[in-house]
C-alpha atoms as a PDB file:
ATOM      1  CA  MET A   1     -48.050-100.081 -19.089  1.00  0.00           C
ATOM      2  CA  SER A   2     -45.185 -98.251 -17.365  1.00  0.00           C
ATOM      3  CA  LEU A   3     -42.529 -96.336 -19.261  1.00  0.00           C
ATOM      4  CA  PHE A   4     -39.892 -98.805 -18.021  1.00  0.00           C
ATOM      5  CA  ARG A   5     -41.771-101.848 -19.373  1.00  0.00           C
ATOM      6  CA  PHE A   6     -42.491-100.061 -22.634  1.00  0.00           C
ATOM      7  CA  CYS A   7     -38.805 -99.211 -23.103  1.00  0.00           C
ATOM      8  CA  ALA A   8     -37.717-102.703 -22.119  1.00  0.00           C
ATOM      9  CA  ARG A   9     -39.843-104.167 -24.900  1.00  0.00           C
ATOM     10  CA  LYS A  10     -38.895-101.551 -27.466  1.00  0.00           C
ATOM     11  CA  PRO A  11     -35.090-100.962 -27.617  1.00  0.00           C
ATOM     12  CA  PHE A  12     -35.533 -98.091 -30.087  1.00  0.00           C
ATOM     13  CA  ALA A  13     -37.800 -96.285 -27.627  1.00  0.00           C
ATOM     14  CA  LEU A  14     -35.192 -96.800 -24.895  1.00  0.00           C
ATOM     15  CA  ALA A  15     -32.543 -95.185 -27.101  1.00  0.00           C
ATOM     16  CA  VAL A  16     -34.818 -92.202 -27.820  1.00  0.00           C
ATOM     17  CA  VAL A  17     -35.569 -91.685 -24.101  1.00  0.00           C
ATOM     18  CA  PHE A  18     -31.857 -91.941 -23.278  1.00  0.00           C
ATOM     19  CA  CYS A  19     -30.881 -89.411 -25.976  1.00  0.00           C
ATOM     20  CA  LEU A  20     -33.573 -86.945 -24.925  1.00  0.00           C
ATOM     21  CA  SER A  21     -32.648 -87.122 -21.241  1.00  0.00           C
ATOM     22  CA  THR A  22     -28.951 -86.681 -22.042  1.00  0.00           C
ATOM     23  CA  ALA A  23     -29.709 -83.692 -24.270  1.00  0.00           C
ATOM     24  CA  LEU A  24     -31.773 -82.082 -21.506  1.00  0.00           C
ATOM     25  CA  LEU A  25     -28.926 -82.510 -19.035  1.00  0.00           C
ATOM     26  CA  PHE A  26     -26.367 -80.753 -21.231  1.00  0.00           C
ATOM     27  CA  THR A  27     -28.486 -77.990 -22.712  1.00  0.00           C
ATOM     28  CA  GLY A  28     -29.426 -76.650 -19.297  1.00  0.00           C
ATOM     29  CA  CYS A  29     -25.813 -76.145 -18.193  1.00  0.00           C
ATOM     30  CA  LYS A  30     -24.032 -72.953 -19.154  1.00  0.00           C
ATOM     31  CA  THR A  31     -20.367 -72.396 -18.481  1.00  0.00           C
ATOM     32  CA  ASP A  32     -18.563 -69.092 -18.520  1.00  0.00           C
ATOM     33  CA  PRO A  33     -16.236 -68.887 -21.492  1.00  0.00           C
ATOM     34  CA  GLU A  34     -12.547 -68.354 -20.904  1.00  0.00           C
ATOM     35  CA  PRO A  35     -11.539 -64.740 -21.569  1.00  0.00           C
ATOM     36  CA  GLU A  36     -10.132 -64.406 -25.059  1.00  0.00           C
ATOM     37  CA  ASP A  37      -6.459 -63.497 -25.088  1.00  0.00           C
ATOM     38  CA  THR A  38      -6.177 -60.797 -27.741  1.00  0.00           C
ATOM     39  CA  GLY A  39      -2.616 -59.755 -26.942  1.00  0.00           C
ATOM     40  CA  PHE A  40      -3.838 -56.302 -25.925  1.00  0.00           C
ATOM     41  CA  VAL A  41      -1.176 -53.662 -25.203  1.00  0.00           C
ATOM     42  CA  PRO A  42      -2.260 -50.498 -23.305  1.00  0.00           C
ATOM     43  CA  VAL A  43      -0.389 -48.092 -25.567  1.00  0.00           C
ATOM     44  CA  GLY A  44       0.283 -44.593 -24.293  1.00  0.00           C
ATOM     45  CA  GLU A  45       2.330 -42.397 -22.025  1.00  0.00           C
ATOM     46  CA  TRP A  46       1.066 -43.166 -18.520  1.00  0.00           C
ATOM     47  CA  ALA A  47       2.071 -40.654 -15.851  1.00  0.00           C
ATOM     48  CA  ALA A  48       1.842 -40.537 -12.065  1.00  0.00           C
ATOM     49  CA  GLN A  49       3.115 -37.811  -9.759  1.00  0.00           C
ATOM     50  CA  TRP A  50       6.674 -39.165  -9.577  1.00  0.00           C
ATOM     51  CA  ASP A  51       7.185 -41.420 -12.579  1.00  0.00           C
ATOM     52  CA  SER A  52       5.812 -42.540 -15.927  1.00  0.00           C
ATOM     53  CA  TYR A  53       5.664 -45.447 -18.343  1.00  0.00           C
ATOM     54  CA  THR A  54       5.832 -45.084 -22.107  1.00  0.00           C
ATOM     55  CA  ILE A  55       4.218 -48.104 -23.727  1.00  0.00           C
ATOM     56  CA  THR A  56       4.212 -48.618 -27.489  1.00  0.00           C
ATOM     57  CA  ASP A  57       3.014 -51.602 -29.519  1.00  0.00           C
ATOM     58  CA  THR A  58       6.536 -53.019 -29.342  1.00  0.00           C
ATOM     59  CA  GLY A  59       8.229 -51.729 -26.187  1.00  0.00           C
ATOM     60  CA  ILE A  60       8.182 -50.198 -22.721  1.00  0.00           C
ATOM     61  CA  GLU A  61      10.258 -47.475 -21.087  1.00  0.00           C
ATOM     62  CA  TYR A  62      10.078 -46.919 -17.346  1.00  0.00           C
ATOM     63  CA  GLY A  63      12.887 -44.754 -16.024  1.00  0.00           C
ATOM     64  CA  GLU A  64      16.118 -46.625 -16.756  1.00  0.00           C
ATOM     65  CA  LEU A  65      14.254 -49.873 -17.539  1.00  0.00           C
ATOM     66  CA  LYS A  66      13.612 -50.468 -21.224  1.00  0.00           C
ATOM     67  CA  GLY A  67      12.380 -53.584 -22.921  1.00  0.00           C
ATOM     68  CA  ASP A  68      10.816 -55.102 -26.013  1.00  0.00           C
ATOM     69  CA  ILE A  69       7.328 -56.536 -25.541  1.00  0.00           C
ATOM     70  CA  GLU A  70       7.682 -60.223 -26.354  1.00  0.00           C
ATOM     71  CA  LYS A  71       4.213 -61.323 -25.185  1.00  0.00           C
ATOM     72  CA  ALA A  72       1.048 -59.517 -24.084  1.00  0.00           C
ATOM     73  CA  ILE A  73      -1.394 -61.687 -22.120  1.00  0.00           C
ATOM     74  CA  ASP A  74      -4.942 -60.584 -21.301  1.00  0.00           C
ATOM     75  CA  PHE A  75      -6.628 -61.439 -18.017  1.00  0.00           C
ATOM     76  CA  SER A  76     -10.254 -60.689 -17.240  1.00  0.00           C
ATOM     77  CA  ASP A  77     -11.557 -57.296 -16.033  1.00  0.00           C
ATOM     78  CA  ASN A  78      -9.291 -55.055 -18.137  1.00  0.00           C
ATOM     79  CA  ALA A  79      -6.092 -56.526 -16.750  1.00  0.00           C
ATOM     80  CA  GLY A  80      -3.085 -58.427 -18.045  1.00  0.00           C
ATOM     81  CA  VAL A  81       0.678 -58.675 -18.165  1.00  0.00           C
ATOM     82  CA  LEU A  82       3.253 -57.441 -20.641  1.00  0.00           C
ATOM     83  CA  ILE A  83       6.276 -59.716 -20.752  1.00  0.00           C
ATOM     84  CA  ILE A  84       9.330 -57.821 -21.874  1.00  0.00           C
ATOM     85  CA  LYS A  85      12.848 -58.760 -22.832  1.00  0.00           C
ATOM     86  CA  ILE A  86      15.057 -56.254 -21.010  1.00  0.00           C
ATOM     87  CA  THR A  87      17.150 -54.137 -23.413  1.00  0.00           C
ATOM     88  CA  ALA A  88      18.473 -51.500 -20.986  1.00  0.00           C
ATOM     89  CA  SER A  89      18.612 -51.106 -17.209  1.00  0.00           C
ATOM     90  CA  SER A  90      20.248 -48.991 -14.530  1.00  0.00           C
ATOM     91  CA  GLY A  91      21.579 -52.164 -12.983  1.00  0.00           C
ATOM     92  CA  ASP A  92      18.605 -53.554 -11.070  1.00  0.00           C
ATOM     93  CA  PHE A  93      17.396 -55.631 -14.012  1.00  0.00           C
ATOM     94  CA  THR A  94      19.547 -57.912 -16.165  1.00  0.00           C
ATOM     95  CA  VAL A  95      19.751 -57.045 -19.861  1.00  0.00           C
ATOM     96  CA  GLY A  96      18.695 -60.031 -21.955  1.00  0.00           C
ATOM     97  CA  LYS A  97      16.391 -61.534 -19.313  1.00  0.00           C
ATOM     98  CA  TYR A  98      12.596 -61.295 -19.147  1.00  0.00           C
ATOM     99  CA  THR A  99      10.315 -59.602 -16.645  1.00  0.00           C
ATOM    100  CA  GLY A 100       6.641 -58.770 -16.397  1.00  0.00           C
ATOM    101  CA  ILE A 101       4.763 -55.491 -16.138  1.00  0.00           C
ATOM    102  CA  TYR A 102       1.277 -56.151 -14.771  1.00  0.00           C
ATOM    103  CA  TYR A 103      -1.639 -53.819 -15.490  1.00  0.00           C
ATOM    104  CA  SER A 104      -5.176 -53.667 -14.130  1.00  0.00           C
ATOM    105  CA  ALA A 105      -8.236 -51.398 -14.068  1.00  0.00           C
ATOM    106  CA  TYR A 106      -7.431 -50.201 -17.593  1.00  0.00           C
ATOM    107  CA  THR A 107      -9.628 -47.501 -19.126  1.00  0.00           C
ATOM    108  CA  SER A 108      -8.829 -45.219 -22.039  1.00  0.00           C
ATOM    109  CA  THR A 109      -7.572 -42.566 -19.575  1.00  0.00           C
ATOM    110  CA  THR A 110      -6.343 -44.426 -16.448  1.00  0.00           C
ATOM    111  CA  ILE A 111      -4.498 -47.617 -15.562  1.00  0.00           C
ATOM    112  CA  LYS A 112      -2.824 -49.351 -12.618  1.00  0.00           C
ATOM    113  CA  LEU A 113       0.707 -50.613 -13.355  1.00  0.00           C
ATOM    114  CA  ALA A 114       3.187 -52.691 -11.373  1.00  0.00           C
ATOM    115  CA  ASN A 115       6.718 -53.965 -11.903  1.00  0.00           C
ATOM    116  CA  VAL A 116       7.519 -57.262 -10.252  1.00  0.00           C
ATOM    117  CA  TRP A 117       9.742 -56.818  -7.207  1.00  0.00           C
ATOM    118  CA  LEU A 118       9.997 -59.396  -4.438  1.00  0.00           C
ATOM    119  CA  GLU A 119      11.318 -58.975  -0.930  1.00  0.00           C
ATOM    120  CA  GLY A 120      14.119 -61.322   0.059  1.00  0.00           C
ATOM    121  CA  ASN A 121      16.591 -61.631   2.920  1.00  0.00           C
ATOM    122  CA  GLU A 122      18.835 -58.995   1.337  1.00  0.00           C
ATOM    123  CA  GLY A 123      16.070 -56.535   0.421  1.00  0.00           C
ATOM    124  CA  TRP A 124      13.978 -56.038  -2.680  1.00  0.00           C
ATOM    125  CA  TYR A 125      14.983 -57.607  -5.986  1.00  0.00           C
ATOM    126  CA  PRO A 126      13.387 -57.750  -9.471  1.00  0.00           C
ATOM    127  CA  LEU A 127      11.828 -61.016 -10.589  1.00  0.00           C
ATOM    128  CA  GLU A 128      13.268 -62.193 -13.890  1.00  0.00           C
ATOM    129  CA  ALA A 129      13.157 -65.279 -16.118  1.00  0.00           C
ATOM    130  CA  ASP A 130      15.834 -66.647 -18.434  1.00  0.00           C
ATOM    131  CA  SER A 131      13.534 -67.440 -21.380  1.00  0.00           C
ATOM    132  CA  LEU A 132      10.230 -66.332 -22.851  1.00  0.00           C
ATOM    133  CA  SER A 133       8.593 -69.686 -22.090  1.00  0.00           C
ATOM    134  CA  ALA A 134       9.727 -69.489 -18.453  1.00  0.00           C
ATOM    135  CA  ALA A 135       8.410 -65.912 -18.249  1.00  0.00           C
ATOM    136  CA  VAL A 136       5.003 -66.925 -19.656  1.00  0.00           C
ATOM    137  CA  SER A 137       4.774 -69.639 -16.987  1.00  0.00           C
ATOM    138  CA  LEU A 138       5.919 -67.291 -14.232  1.00  0.00           C
ATOM    139  CA  PHE A 139       4.008 -64.088 -14.982  1.00  0.00           C
ATOM    140  CA  ASN A 140       0.366 -65.164 -15.049  1.00  0.00           C
ATOM    141  CA  VAL A 141      -2.990 -64.358 -13.491  1.00  0.00           C
ATOM    142  CA  ASP A 142      -2.485 -66.894 -10.675  1.00  0.00           C
ATOM    143  CA  ASN A 143       0.731 -65.205  -9.521  1.00  0.00           C
ATOM    144  CA  VAL A 144      -0.364 -61.556  -9.504  1.00  0.00           C
ATOM    145  CA  GLY A 145      -1.070 -61.563  -5.748  1.00  0.00           C
ATOM    146  CA  GLY A 146       2.366 -62.975  -4.937  1.00  0.00           C
ATOM    147  CA  HIS A 147       4.200 -60.741  -7.406  1.00  0.00           C
ATOM    148  CA  VAL A 148       2.575 -57.347  -6.857  1.00  0.00           C
ATOM    149  CA  SER A 149       2.902 -55.559  -3.529  1.00  0.00           C
ATOM    150  CA  TYR A 150       2.011 -52.097  -4.869  1.00  0.00           C
ATOM    151  CA  TRP A 151      -0.057 -50.850  -7.812  1.00  0.00           C
ATOM    152  CA  GLY A 152       0.743 -47.380  -9.144  1.00  0.00           C
ATOM    153  CA  ASP A 153      -2.123 -45.223 -10.394  1.00  0.00           C
ATOM    154  CA  TYR A 154      -1.380 -43.642 -13.776  1.00  0.00           C
ATOM    155  CA  SER A 155      -3.247 -41.283 -16.099  1.00  0.00           C
ATOM    156  CA  LYS A 156      -2.790 -40.991 -19.826  1.00  0.00           C
ATOM    157  CA  ARG A 157      -0.980 -37.856 -20.984  1.00  0.00           C
END
């Protein structure tokens, strides 16, 4: 007697065969988990030849740009973005708005950092958002390539 005829006569056996085949289909498939967003902040004084960033658990200073870290978002491969609310600026950034500081290739002693500047018809301008929710939507892993034209190499002091 074939398996089909046996299952047709015995509905319970058909249910068992169905459940076993379904279980085999799903147990053989592995998916990569999404990276866990821990809100990591690369704290330290990060220096390059010409400039430096000071990053604390709560804020960032980069030259005349200062801001409070409102959201830290992890990407994969030791990268992420720090979304800051601007508290002081030399005039390029707008106090009270939000911008992103991207980081990548983080180790305990080195990091790549980038402010978000875009080139427009009138030259370079900083990319800003009016609210934290707009900044979270704007400064994300999918937009890094369009936002970053230059990564600075920094070492921890």
